[in-house]
Amino acid sequence: MTEDEPKAWVGDQVWDADAEKEGVVTDVKAGTFVLREVYSWTLTWTAPTHERLKVTVPRAERLRQRQELGW
């Protein structure tokens, strides 16, 4: 991650380089990031730090897309 890239936070869609998959950050507990698969609420995993998470769709953009779709 470079200084120009946003740090992952709750609601962001991210690429997890360690897990080699995309997910959504749902919580941060004691510095550990809890992620879920993009199209599932039940399949979750954790990432020990934001350093290997790359934001692919920021939370604000995800919310705008949902609103446009009428969700």
Protein backbone atom coordinates (compact mmCIF):
# COMPACT_ATOMS: atom_id res chain seq x y z
CA MET A 1 0.00 0.00 0.00
CA THR A 2 1.25 3.49 -0.82
CA GLU A 3 0.57 6.70 1.07
CA ASP A 4 -1.94 7.78 -1.61
CA GLU A 5 -4.12 4.69 -1.24
CA PRO A 6 -6.91 4.88 1.35
CA LYS A 7 -6.67 2.66 4.41
CA ALA A 8 -9.39 0.04 4.66
CA TRP A 9 -12.18 0.62 7.14
CA VAL A 10 -15.67 -0.68 7.94
CA GLY A 11 -17.88 -0.70 4.86
CA ASP A 12 -15.06 -0.68 2.32
CA GLN A 13 -14.81 -3.41 -0.29
CA VAL A 14 -11.22 -4.63 -0.31
CA TRP A 15 -8.82 -7.11 -1.89
CA ASP A 16 -7.15 -9.23 0.79
CA ALA A 17 -3.73 -10.19 -0.58
CA ASP A 18 -3.20 -12.87 2.07
CA ALA A 19 -6.55 -14.61 1.52
CA GLU A 20 -6.39 -13.88 -2.23
CA LYS A 21 -10.03 -12.82 -2.38
CA GLU A 22 -12.26 -9.80 -2.25
CA GLY A 23 -14.47 -8.95 0.70
CA VAL A 24 -16.16 -6.22 2.71
CA VAL A 25 -14.80 -4.99 6.04
CA THR A 26 -17.58 -5.52 8.59
CA ASP A 27 -15.79 -4.79 11.87
CA VAL A 28 -12.44 -4.00 13.45
CA LYS A 29 -11.76 -5.66 16.80
CA ALA A 30 -8.53 -4.87 18.66
CA GLY A 31 -6.84 -4.03 15.35
CA THR A 32 -8.02 -7.20 13.59
CA PHE A 33 -10.20 -6.64 10.53
CA VAL A 34 -13.28 -8.85 10.14
CA LEU A 35 -14.28 -9.38 6.51
CA ARG A 36 -17.15 -11.09 4.73
CA GLU A 37 -17.46 -12.23 1.16
CA VAL A 38 -18.96 -9.60 -1.13
CA TYR A 39 -22.18 -11.51 -1.83
CA SER A 40 -22.54 -13.39 1.44
CA TRP A 41 -23.23 -12.40 5.04
CA THR A 42 -22.15 -15.72 6.51
CA LEU A 43 -18.73 -16.47 5.00
CA THR A 44 -16.25 -14.47 7.06
CA TRP A 45 -12.52 -14.33 7.81
CA THR A 46 -10.09 -12.03 9.57
CA ALA A 47 -7.04 -10.01 8.57
CA PRO A 48 -4.56 -9.06 11.30
CA THR A 49 -3.85 -5.60 9.81
CA HIS A 50 -4.94 -3.22 7.06
CA GLU A 51 -1.51 -3.41 5.42
CA ARG A 52 -2.44 -6.29 3.08
CA LEU A 53 -5.93 -4.93 2.33
CA LYS A 54 -6.40 -2.78 -0.77
CA VAL A 55 -9.60 -0.73 -1.06
CA THR A 56 -11.34 -1.60 -4.33
CA VAL A 57 -14.66 0.17 -3.69
CA PRO A 58 -14.88 2.73 -0.85
CA ARG A 59 -17.90 2.64 1.47
CA ALA A 60 -19.36 5.88 0.04
CA GLU A 61 -19.29 4.44 -3.49
CA ARG A 62 -20.87 1.16 -2.33
CA LEU A 63 -23.70 3.10 -0.65
CA ARG A 64 -24.24 5.23 -3.77
CA GLN A 65 -24.43 2.08 -5.93
CA ARG A 66 -26.94 0.48 -3.56
CA GLN A 67 -29.10 3.61 -3.60
CA GLU A 68 -29.07 3.71 -7.41
CA LEU A 69 -30.22 0.07 -7.49
CA GLY A 70 -32.99 0.79 -4.99
CA TRP A 71 -31.68 -1.53 -2.27
